[in-house]
């Protein structure tokens, strides 16, 4: 891990909440395991 993931909606830095769950504090977008191959 450790890489910074950019929010696909607003370009803000995503926060890693769990192993497969990212959250954007700026716009509220979520990424999970099903998005993993597309975004990180």
C-alpha atoms as a PDB file:
ATOM      1  CA  UNK A   1       0.000   0.000   0.000  1.00  0.00           C
ATOM      2  CA  UNK A   2       1.158   3.514   0.655  1.00  0.00           C
ATOM      3  CA  UNK A   3       0.418   4.974  -2.758  1.00  0.00           C
ATOM      4  CA  UNK A   4      -1.859   7.981  -2.952  1.00  0.00           C
ATOM      5  CA  UNK A   5      -5.155   7.356  -4.720  1.00  0.00           C
ATOM      6  CA  UNK A   6      -6.837  10.283  -6.431  1.00  0.00           C
ATOM      7  CA  UNK A   7     -10.602  10.571  -6.324  1.00  0.00           C
ATOM      8  CA  UNK A   8     -12.091   9.924  -9.780  1.00  0.00           C
ATOM      9  CA  UNK A   9     -14.863  12.409  -9.054  1.00  0.00           C
ATOM     10  CA  UNK A  10     -13.060  15.461  -7.668  1.00  0.00           C
ATOM     11  CA  UNK A  11      -9.303  14.724  -7.913  1.00  0.00           C
ATOM     12  CA  UNK A  12      -8.837  14.975  -4.152  1.00  0.00           C
ATOM     13  CA  UNK A  13      -6.692  12.497  -2.213  1.00  0.00           C
ATOM     14  CA  UNK A  14      -8.619   9.420  -1.101  1.00  0.00           C
ATOM     15  CA  UNK A  15      -8.392   8.141   2.487  1.00  0.00           C
ATOM     16  CA  UNK A  16      -7.728   4.422   2.969  1.00  0.00           C
ATOM     17  CA  UNK A  17     -10.333   3.230   5.453  1.00  0.00           C
ATOM     18  CA  UNK A  18      -9.862  -0.534   5.105  1.00  0.00           C
ATOM     19  CA  UNK A  19      -7.878  -2.853   2.856  1.00  0.00           C
ATOM     20  CA  UNK A  20     -10.296  -2.488  -0.033  1.00  0.00           C
ATOM     21  CA  UNK A  21     -12.271   0.590   0.872  1.00  0.00           C
ATOM     22  CA  UNK A  22     -11.287   4.140  -0.044  1.00  0.00           C
ATOM     23  CA  UNK A  23     -13.225   7.253   0.888  1.00  0.00           C
ATOM     24  CA  UNK A  24     -12.910  10.829  -0.361  1.00  0.00           C
ATOM     25  CA  UNK A  25     -13.316  13.367   2.466  1.00  0.00           C
ATOM     26  CA  UNK A  26     -13.852  16.145  -0.071  1.00  0.00           C
ATOM     27  CA  UNK A  27     -16.862  14.896  -2.078  1.00  0.00           C
ATOM     28  CA  UNK A  28     -17.815  11.708  -0.238  1.00  0.00           C
ATOM     29  CA  UNK A  29     -17.031   9.266  -3.058  1.00  0.00           C
ATOM     30  CA  UNK A  30     -16.281   5.654  -2.146  1.00  0.00           C
ATOM     31  CA  UNK A  31     -14.185   3.011  -3.900  1.00  0.00           C
ATOM     32  CA  UNK A  32     -14.193  -0.631  -2.871  1.00  0.00           C
ATOM     33  CA  UNK A  33     -12.729  -3.959  -3.998  1.00  0.00           C
ATOM     34  CA  UNK A  34     -14.827  -4.023  -7.164  1.00  0.00           C
ATOM     35  CA  UNK A  35     -13.233  -0.715  -8.236  1.00  0.00           C
ATOM     36  CA  UNK A  36      -9.699  -1.756  -7.345  1.00  0.00           C
ATOM     37  CA  UNK A  37      -8.516  -2.763 -10.817  1.00  0.00           C
ATOM     38  CA  UNK A  38      -9.845   0.458 -12.321  1.00  0.00           C
ATOM     39  CA  UNK A  39      -8.372   3.011  -9.940  1.00  0.00           C
ATOM     40  CA  UNK A  40      -5.414   1.503  -8.093  1.00  0.00           C
END
